[in-house]
N, C-alpha and C. Protein backbone atom coordinates (compact mmCIF):
# COMPACT_ATOMS: atom_id res chain seq x y z
N MET A 1 -4.51 14.29 -27.00
CA MET A 1 -3.50 13.93 -25.77
C MET A 1 -3.44 14.65 -24.70
N LEU A 2 -3.13 14.30 -23.59
CA LEU A 2 -2.65 15.09 -22.56
C LEU A 2 -1.50 16.23 -22.89
N PRO A 3 -1.87 17.54 -22.70
CA PRO A 3 -1.06 18.39 -23.37
C PRO A 3 0.46 18.28 -22.70
N GLU A 4 1.16 18.19 -23.84
CA GLU A 4 2.59 18.13 -24.06
C GLU A 4 3.42 16.69 -24.02
N PHE A 5 2.54 15.63 -23.20
CA PHE A 5 2.99 14.62 -22.46
C PHE A 5 2.53 13.41 -23.57
N SER A 6 3.26 13.18 -24.90
CA SER A 6 3.05 12.00 -25.56
C SER A 6 4.13 11.08 -25.67
N LEU A 7 5.02 11.53 -24.94
CA LEU A 7 6.33 10.43 -24.72
C LEU A 7 6.29 9.86 -23.47
N ASN A 8 7.18 8.56 -23.50
CA ASN A 8 7.38 7.84 -22.48
C ASN A 8 7.94 8.53 -21.21
N LEU A 9 7.20 8.12 -19.86
CA LEU A 9 7.76 8.90 -18.83
C LEU A 9 8.19 7.94 -17.53
N HIS A 10 9.13 8.41 -16.89
CA HIS A 10 9.63 7.60 -15.71
C HIS A 10 8.64 8.26 -14.30
N PHE A 11 8.69 6.95 -13.49
CA PHE A 11 7.73 6.90 -12.24
C PHE A 11 8.54 7.14 -11.27
N LEU A 12 7.80 8.17 -10.05
CA LEU A 12 7.99 7.92 -8.68
C LEU A 12 6.72 7.62 -8.20
N PRO A 13 6.48 6.56 -7.72
CA PRO A 13 5.10 6.48 -7.21
C PRO A 13 4.99 6.76 -5.55
N VAL A 14 4.09 7.49 -5.46
CA VAL A 14 3.84 7.80 -4.03
C VAL A 14 2.45 7.47 -3.40
N TYR A 15 2.20 6.59 -2.42
CA TYR A 15 1.04 6.25 -2.06
C TYR A 15 0.61 7.14 -0.81
N ALA A 16 -0.68 7.59 -0.63
CA ALA A 16 -1.13 8.11 0.25
C ALA A 16 -2.04 7.54 0.86
N LEU A 17 -2.34 7.30 2.44
CA LEU A 17 -3.11 6.69 3.07
C LEU A 17 -4.08 7.87 3.98
N LEU A 18 -5.44 7.64 3.40
CA LEU A 18 -6.45 8.40 3.91
C LEU A 18 -7.22 7.85 5.02
N LEU A 19 -7.87 8.68 5.73
CA LEU A 19 -8.97 8.47 6.59
C LEU A 19 -10.00 9.43 6.39
N GLY A 20 -11.03 9.08 5.50
CA GLY A 20 -11.69 9.72 5.27
C GLY A 20 -11.27 10.94 4.01
N GLN A 21 -11.37 12.07 4.22
CA GLN A 21 -10.85 12.84 3.29
C GLN A 21 -9.21 13.47 3.89
N GLU A 22 -8.98 13.03 5.21
CA GLU A 22 -7.73 13.32 5.75
C GLU A 22 -6.39 12.44 5.61
N LEU A 23 -5.56 13.00 5.09
CA LEU A 23 -4.15 12.64 4.89
C LEU A 23 -3.46 12.13 6.24
N ILE A 24 -3.41 10.88 6.24
CA ILE A 24 -2.79 10.02 7.82
C ILE A 24 -1.31 9.60 7.77
N ALA A 25 -1.03 9.01 6.35
CA ALA A 25 0.37 8.42 5.83
C ALA A 25 0.57 8.40 4.56
N THR A 26 2.03 8.76 4.09
CA THR A 26 2.32 8.61 2.72
C THR A 26 3.37 7.68 2.60
N TYR A 27 3.44 6.88 1.55
CA TYR A 27 4.85 5.97 1.52
C TYR A 27 5.26 6.32 0.04
N SER A 28 6.46 6.19 -0.15
CA SER A 28 7.14 6.71 -1.48
C SER A 28 8.01 5.53 -1.79
N ILE A 29 8.19 5.10 -3.25
CA ILE A 29 9.22 4.41 -3.49
C ILE A 29 10.20 5.30 -4.08
N ASN A 30 11.11 5.55 -3.64
CA ASN A 30 12.23 6.38 -3.83
C ASN A 30 13.21 5.77 -4.72
N GLU A 31 13.24 4.63 -4.88
CA GLU A 31 14.25 3.81 -5.87
C GLU A 31 13.28 3.17 -6.74
N ALA A 32 12.33 3.67 -7.43
CA ALA A 32 11.17 3.39 -8.30
C ALA A 32 12.01 2.23 -9.29
N GLN A 33 11.47 1.42 -9.77
CA GLN A 33 11.62 0.38 -10.83
C GLN A 33 11.41 0.89 -12.18
N PRO A 34 11.94 0.61 -13.12
CA PRO A 34 11.40 1.23 -14.40
C PRO A 34 10.01 1.21 -14.87
N GLY A 35 9.45 2.32 -15.15
CA GLY A 35 7.76 2.05 -15.52
C GLY A 35 7.84 3.14 -16.91
N ILE A 36 6.62 3.19 -17.65
CA ILE A 36 6.39 3.74 -18.51
C ILE A 36 4.96 4.16 -18.69
N PHE A 37 4.56 5.32 -19.00
CA PHE A 37 3.23 5.81 -19.52
C PHE A 37 3.21 6.32 -20.76
N ILE A 38 2.72 5.81 -21.74
CA ILE A 38 2.40 6.37 -22.85
C ILE A 38 1.16 6.77 -23.33
N PHE A 39 1.13 8.44 -23.89
CA PHE A 39 -0.26 8.95 -24.47
C PHE A 39 -0.09 8.95 -25.93
N THR A 40 -1.27 8.68 -26.58
CA THR A 40 -1.28 8.94 -28.14
C THR A 40 -2.60 9.93 -27.87
N ASP A 41 -3.13 10.06 -29.13
CA ASP A 41 -4.50 11.01 -29.21
C ASP A 41 -5.38 10.71 -28.25
N ASP A 42 -5.86 9.18 -28.13
CA ASP A 42 -6.94 8.76 -27.25
C ASP A 42 -6.54 7.55 -26.82
N SER A 43 -5.27 6.93 -26.86
CA SER A 43 -5.02 5.69 -26.22
C SER A 43 -3.75 6.19 -25.21
N TYR A 44 -3.55 4.84 -24.20
CA TYR A 44 -2.43 5.01 -23.57
C TYR A 44 -2.06 3.69 -23.14
N ALA A 45 -1.02 3.63 -22.33
CA ALA A 45 -0.29 2.17 -21.85
C ALA A 45 0.35 2.59 -20.69
N ILE A 46 0.30 1.72 -19.76
CA ILE A 46 0.82 2.21 -18.25
C ILE A 46 1.18 0.72 -17.97
N SER A 47 2.78 0.71 -17.62
CA SER A 47 3.52 -0.36 -17.17
C SER A 47 4.30 -0.24 -16.14
N TRP A 48 4.39 -0.70 -14.82
CA TRP A 48 5.48 -0.20 -13.76
C TRP A 48 5.47 -1.38 -12.65
N THR A 49 6.19 -1.31 -11.87
CA THR A 49 6.77 -2.20 -10.66
C THR A 49 6.15 -1.52 -9.30
N PRO A 50 5.21 -1.81 -8.52
CA PRO A 50 5.12 -1.66 -7.46
C PRO A 50 5.58 -1.53 -6.42
N THR A 51 7.05 -1.62 -6.22
CA THR A 51 7.90 -2.07 -5.21
C THR A 51 9.38 -1.27 -5.65
N ASP A 52 10.14 -1.34 -4.54
CA ASP A 52 11.54 -0.53 -4.56
C ASP A 52 12.33 -1.68 -4.93
N ASN A 53 11.85 -2.95 -4.93
CA ASN A 53 12.97 -4.07 -5.16
C ASN A 53 12.95 -4.33 -7.10
N PRO A 54 13.96 -4.59 -7.61
CA PRO A 54 14.07 -5.27 -9.16
C PRO A 54 13.06 -6.42 -9.17
N ARG A 55 12.44 -6.60 -10.31
CA ARG A 55 11.86 -7.98 -10.44
C ARG A 55 12.87 -8.86 -10.15
N VAL A 56 12.58 -9.95 -10.06
CA VAL A 56 13.47 -11.37 -9.75
C VAL A 56 13.20 -12.05 -11.37
N PRO A 57 14.21 -12.02 -12.03
CA PRO A 57 14.18 -13.04 -13.19
C PRO A 57 13.95 -14.69 -13.06
N PHE A 58 13.18 -15.10 -14.01
CA PHE A 58 12.97 -16.72 -13.78
C PHE A 58 14.72 -17.48 -13.86
N LYS A 59 14.94 -18.19 -13.16
CA LYS A 59 16.09 -18.92 -13.37
C LYS A 59 16.07 -19.68 -14.68
N ASN A 60 14.83 -20.22 -15.06
CA ASN A 60 14.93 -20.63 -16.68
C ASN A 60 13.77 -20.15 -17.33
N LEU A 61 14.14 -18.96 -18.08
CA LEU A 61 13.13 -18.21 -18.72
C LEU A 61 12.18 -18.76 -19.31
N SER A 62 12.34 -19.95 -20.15
CA SER A 62 11.35 -20.82 -20.84
C SER A 62 10.25 -21.88 -19.88
N LYS A 63 10.72 -21.90 -18.82
CA LYS A 63 10.17 -22.92 -17.81
C LYS A 63 10.34 -22.61 -16.24
N PRO A 64 9.09 -21.31 -16.12
CA PRO A 64 9.25 -20.93 -15.12
C PRO A 64 8.66 -21.78 -13.83
N THR A 65 8.95 -21.92 -12.62
CA THR A 65 8.40 -22.69 -11.56
C THR A 65 6.79 -21.94 -11.26
N ASP A 66 5.68 -22.34 -10.59
CA ASP A 66 4.52 -21.91 -10.10
C ASP A 66 4.79 -20.55 -9.28
N GLU A 67 6.04 -20.53 -8.36
CA GLU A 67 6.11 -19.73 -7.25
C GLU A 67 6.66 -18.56 -8.19
N GLU A 68 7.60 -18.70 -9.26
CA GLU A 68 8.23 -17.61 -10.21
C GLU A 68 7.10 -17.05 -10.64
N LEU A 69 6.13 -17.73 -11.29
CA LEU A 69 4.79 -17.25 -11.93
C LEU A 69 4.41 -16.14 -11.09
N ILE A 70 3.99 -16.62 -9.82
CA ILE A 70 3.22 -15.77 -9.03
C ILE A 70 3.80 -14.57 -8.50
N ALA A 71 5.13 -14.80 -8.40
CA ALA A 71 6.15 -13.57 -7.91
C ALA A 71 5.99 -12.65 -8.91
N GLY A 72 6.14 -13.21 -10.34
CA GLY A 72 6.05 -12.34 -11.29
C GLY A 72 5.02 -11.54 -11.73
N PHE A 73 3.83 -12.38 -11.54
CA PHE A 73 2.45 -11.67 -11.76
C PHE A 73 2.16 -10.45 -10.33
N ARG A 74 2.70 -10.64 -9.48
CA ARG A 74 2.34 -9.76 -8.40
C ARG A 74 3.23 -8.66 -8.40
N SER A 75 4.46 -8.55 -9.18
CA SER A 75 5.63 -7.59 -9.38
C SER A 75 5.31 -6.78 -10.38
N ILE A 76 4.14 -6.50 -11.27
CA ILE A 76 3.77 -5.68 -12.28
C ILE A 76 2.61 -5.24 -12.30
N VAL A 77 2.25 -4.09 -12.80
CA VAL A 77 1.07 -3.48 -13.07
C VAL A 77 1.08 -3.10 -14.40
N PHE A 78 -0.06 -3.35 -15.08
CA PHE A 78 -0.24 -2.95 -16.67
C PHE A 78 -1.38 -2.87 -17.14
N ASN A 79 -2.01 -1.96 -17.86
CA ASN A 79 -2.91 -1.92 -18.66
C ASN A 79 -2.88 -1.08 -19.93
N ALA A 80 -3.58 -1.18 -21.03
CA ALA A 80 -3.62 -0.33 -21.93
C ALA A 80 -5.01 0.00 -22.40
N GLY A 81 -5.35 1.18 -23.19
CA GLY A 81 -6.79 0.98 -23.88
C GLY A 81 -6.87 2.63 -24.24
N ASN A 82 -8.13 3.00 -23.70
CA ASN A 82 -8.74 4.50 -24.48
C ASN A 82 -8.47 5.36 -23.43
N TYR A 83 -8.73 6.55 -23.42
CA TYR A 83 -8.93 7.50 -22.38
C TYR A 83 -9.58 9.12 -23.17
N SER A 84 -10.03 9.69 -21.88
CA SER A 84 -10.49 11.06 -22.14
C SER A 84 -9.97 11.91 -20.90
N TYR A 85 -10.07 13.11 -21.14
CA TYR A 85 -9.54 14.28 -20.21
C TYR A 85 -10.07 15.37 -20.68
N THR A 86 -9.83 16.10 -19.31
CA THR A 86 -10.28 17.47 -19.35
C THR A 86 -8.96 18.32 -18.61
N ASP A 87 -8.88 19.64 -18.55
CA ASP A 87 -7.90 20.25 -18.03
C ASP A 87 -7.44 20.02 -16.75
N SER A 88 -7.97 19.24 -15.98
CA SER A 88 -7.12 18.35 -14.69
C SER A 88 -7.40 17.31 -14.51
N THR A 89 -8.44 16.40 -15.16
CA THR A 89 -8.67 15.04 -14.78
C THR A 89 -8.32 14.12 -16.35
N ALA A 90 -8.54 12.98 -15.80
CA ALA A 90 -8.16 12.07 -16.93
C ALA A 90 -9.02 10.61 -16.83
N VAL A 91 -9.47 10.17 -17.30
CA VAL A 91 -10.26 8.69 -17.20
C VAL A 91 -9.57 7.66 -18.07
N ALA A 92 -9.01 6.58 -17.67
CA ALA A 92 -8.49 5.69 -18.41
C ALA A 92 -9.58 4.42 -18.62
N ILE A 93 -9.76 3.82 -19.82
CA ILE A 93 -10.79 2.75 -19.89
C ILE A 93 -9.88 1.41 -20.56
N PRO A 94 -9.33 0.44 -19.52
CA PRO A 94 -8.38 -0.61 -20.75
C PRO A 94 -9.21 -1.25 -21.44
N ILE A 95 -8.62 -1.88 -22.34
CA ILE A 95 -8.92 -2.80 -23.53
C ILE A 95 -8.31 -4.16 -23.07
N ILE A 96 -6.95 -4.18 -22.63
CA ILE A 96 -6.23 -4.98 -22.18
C ILE A 96 -5.97 -4.89 -20.59
N ALA A 97 -5.60 -5.82 -19.58
CA ALA A 97 -5.40 -5.67 -18.33
C ALA A 97 -4.42 -6.61 -17.76
N LYS A 98 -3.97 -6.53 -16.87
CA LYS A 98 -2.70 -7.54 -16.14
C LYS A 98 -4.25 -8.31 -15.60
N VAL A 99 -4.92 -7.98 -14.86
CA VAL A 99 -6.21 -8.67 -14.18
C VAL A 99 -7.42 -8.87 -15.37
N PRO A 100 -7.56 -10.47 -15.68
CA PRO A 100 -8.37 -10.49 -16.22
C PRO A 100 -9.83 -10.27 -16.10
N GLY A 101 -10.59 -9.59 -16.67
CA GLY A 101 -11.84 -9.04 -16.26
C GLY A 101 -11.83 -7.73 -16.03
N PHE A 102 -10.61 -7.06 -15.83
CA PHE A 102 -10.93 -5.74 -15.37
C PHE A 102 -11.09 -4.57 -16.67
N GLU A 103 -11.06 -5.14 -18.11
CA GLU A 103 -10.99 -4.59 -19.37
C GLU A 103 -12.50 -3.99 -19.20
N GLY A 104 -12.47 -2.99 -19.60
CA GLY A 104 -13.82 -2.19 -19.66
C GLY A 104 -14.04 -1.49 -18.15
N GLY A 105 -13.31 -1.56 -17.22
CA GLY A 105 -13.36 -0.51 -15.99
C GLY A 105 -13.10 0.65 -16.01
N LYS A 106 -12.76 1.38 -15.24
CA LYS A 106 -12.34 2.86 -15.09
C LYS A 106 -11.51 3.07 -14.33
N GLN A 107 -10.24 4.00 -14.44
CA GLN A 107 -9.26 4.31 -13.55
C GLN A 107 -9.48 5.91 -13.68
N PHE A 108 -9.57 6.67 -12.40
CA PHE A 108 -9.95 7.94 -12.48
C PHE A 108 -8.52 8.92 -12.00
N TYR A 109 -8.15 9.74 -12.51
CA TYR A 109 -6.79 10.49 -12.47
C TYR A 109 -7.32 11.86 -12.42
N ARG A 110 -6.26 12.51 -11.26
CA ARG A 110 -6.05 14.31 -11.43
C ARG A 110 -4.68 14.34 -12.13
N TYR A 111 -4.70 15.32 -12.53
CA TYR A 111 -3.26 15.74 -13.29
C TYR A 111 -2.88 17.05 -12.80
N ARG A 112 -1.69 17.14 -12.92
CA ARG A 112 -0.86 18.54 -13.20
C ARG A 112 0.46 18.50 -13.74
N ILE A 113 0.74 19.70 -14.59
CA ILE A 113 1.63 19.70 -15.17
C ILE A 113 2.72 20.79 -14.62
N ASP A 114 3.99 20.26 -14.25
CA ASP A 114 4.83 21.39 -13.72
C ASP A 114 6.03 21.30 -14.76
N GLY A 115 6.13 22.20 -15.62
CA GLY A 115 7.20 22.19 -16.77
C GLY A 115 7.21 20.75 -17.46
N SER A 116 8.41 20.09 -17.15
CA SER A 116 8.29 18.75 -17.76
C SER A 116 8.33 17.49 -16.73
N ILE A 117 7.59 18.07 -15.47
CA ILE A 117 7.08 16.85 -14.75
C ILE A 117 5.50 17.00 -14.57
N LEU A 118 5.23 15.64 -14.93
CA LEU A 118 3.78 15.19 -14.73
C LEU A 118 3.49 14.64 -13.41
N HIS A 119 2.33 15.29 -12.37
CA HIS A 119 2.06 14.42 -11.42
C HIS A 119 0.61 14.13 -11.81
N LEU A 120 0.40 12.65 -11.77
CA LEU A 120 -0.75 12.16 -12.10
C LEU A 120 -1.05 11.11 -11.03
N THR A 121 -2.31 11.74 -10.07
CA THR A 121 -2.86 10.93 -9.24
C THR A 121 -4.14 9.92 -9.36
N MET A 122 -3.91 9.01 -9.34
CA MET A 122 -5.26 7.74 -9.20
C MET A 122 -6.05 7.90 -8.29
N TYR A 123 -7.15 8.32 -7.91
CA TYR A 123 -7.96 8.32 -7.16
C TYR A 123 -9.03 7.40 -6.83
N ASP A 124 -9.39 7.11 -7.90
CA ASP A 124 -10.57 6.25 -8.29
C ASP A 124 -10.60 4.94 -9.12
N GLU A 125 -11.15 3.89 -8.80
CA GLU A 125 -11.05 3.10 -9.69
C GLU A 125 -12.62 2.08 -9.79
N THR A 126 -13.15 1.95 -10.89
CA THR A 126 -14.45 1.37 -10.89
C THR A 126 -14.14 -0.06 -11.92
N TYR A 127 -14.84 -1.02 -11.27
CA TYR A 127 -14.70 -2.29 -12.05
C TYR A 127 -15.77 -2.35 -12.95
N PRO A 128 -15.55 -3.31 -14.04
CA PRO A 128 -16.89 -3.05 -15.26
C PRO A 128 -17.97 -3.43 -14.49
N ASP A 129 -18.10 -4.24 -13.14
CA ASP A 129 -19.68 -4.49 -12.82
C ASP A 129 -20.14 -3.41 -11.81
N GLY A 130 -19.33 -2.22 -11.67
CA GLY A 130 -19.57 -1.27 -11.03
C GLY A 130 -18.85 -1.37 -9.66
N GLU A 131 -18.57 -2.31 -9.27
CA GLU A 131 -18.12 -2.59 -7.84
C GLU A 131 -16.63 -1.40 -7.81
N LYS A 132 -16.30 -1.38 -6.47
CA LYS A 132 -14.99 -0.44 -5.81
C LYS A 132 -14.13 -1.47 -5.51
N PRO A 133 -12.65 -1.00 -5.73
CA PRO A 133 -11.79 -2.22 -5.20
C PRO A 133 -11.79 -1.93 -3.48
N GLY A 134 -11.10 -2.62 -2.97
CA GLY A 134 -10.77 -2.57 -1.18
C GLY A 134 -10.14 -1.21 -0.73
N TRP A 135 -9.33 -0.77 -1.62
CA TRP A 135 -8.28 0.30 -1.09
C TRP A 135 -9.07 2.08 -1.35
N PHE A 136 -10.44 1.84 -2.23
CA PHE A 136 -11.18 3.07 -2.56
C PHE A 136 -11.38 3.74 -1.59
N GLY A 137 -11.20 5.30 -1.38
CA GLY A 137 -11.38 5.79 -0.06
C GLY A 137 -10.59 5.88 1.04
N ARG A 138 -9.54 4.82 0.94
CA ARG A 138 -8.42 5.01 1.71
C ARG A 138 -6.97 5.12 1.37
N TYR A 139 -6.80 5.13 0.04
CA TYR A 139 -5.49 5.12 -0.63
C TYR A 139 -5.69 6.07 -2.05
N VAL A 140 -4.68 7.11 -2.40
CA VAL A 140 -4.54 7.23 -3.57
C VAL A 140 -2.84 7.22 -3.86
N THR A 141 -2.91 6.87 -5.28
CA THR A 141 -1.43 6.68 -5.81
C THR A 141 -1.04 7.84 -6.74
N GLU A 142 0.05 8.60 -6.25
CA GLU A 142 0.63 9.74 -7.30
C GLU A 142 1.90 9.17 -7.97
N PHE A 143 1.68 9.42 -9.37
CA PHE A 143 3.18 9.08 -10.00
C PHE A 143 3.57 10.47 -10.34
N VAL A 144 4.88 10.65 -10.21
CA VAL A 144 5.53 11.68 -10.43
C VAL A 144 6.23 11.55 -11.51
N MET A 145 6.22 12.13 -12.82
CA MET A 145 7.01 11.61 -13.95
C MET A 145 7.66 12.62 -14.90
N GLU A 146 8.74 12.15 -15.11
CA GLU A 146 9.57 13.31 -15.92
C GLU A 146 9.46 12.80 -17.41
N LYS A 147 9.24 13.69 -18.15
CA LYS A 147 9.15 13.54 -19.61
C LYS A 147 10.57 13.16 -20.29
N LYS A 148 10.50 12.07 -20.91
CA LYS A 148 11.63 11.70 -21.70
C LYS A 148 11.82 11.69 -22.93
N LYS A 149 12.78 11.89 -23.60
CA LYS A 149 12.76 11.76 -25.22
C LYS A 149 13.14 10.13 -25.47
N SER A 150 12.43 9.82 -26.53
CA SER A 150 12.40 8.37 -27.05
C SER A 150 12.89 8.58 -28.53
N LYS A 151 13.84 7.81 -28.77
CA LYS A 151 14.02 7.40 -30.26
C LYS A 151 13.11 6.85 -31.06
N TYR A 152 11.98 6.12 -30.41
CA TYR A 152 10.85 5.44 -30.95
C TYR A 152 9.37 6.08 -31.20
N LEU A 153 9.51 7.12 -30.47
CA LEU A 153 8.13 7.92 -30.54
C LEU A 153 8.77 9.18 -31.04
N PRO A 154 7.58 10.01 -31.42
CA PRO A 154 7.43 11.07 -32.28
C PRO A 154 7.86 12.31 -31.21
């Protein structure tokens, strides 16, 4: 498992806009909504909200409208699966994903650890068919996460 980081972590996403390899802008979500990244020996799970606004609850939890379903789908990112890592990179391969068909794709991260803070930068993604997303080469997403204790995890 990633060294020292087997517990849930809280997110502060930072988006960087690139032009070639040149950084031209960054966007931060300073009031980040709850998120979690869990590592075990060879598995991971990630769930986070890519906005600075809280998710809007359905008016009727058991009977959401089509608009509520679409907004709910767009307001969360999640996947879980297996990963491998080196001393500075990690590759995540989901076995379940929010986006149907992404299972078996790959997300590529660089990471560094500063005490109890993990900086995890997603810099590449490859779909199962080998294609790349539209953001590839233009954006990277850095998660700045603080290690948190959990009564549910060792």
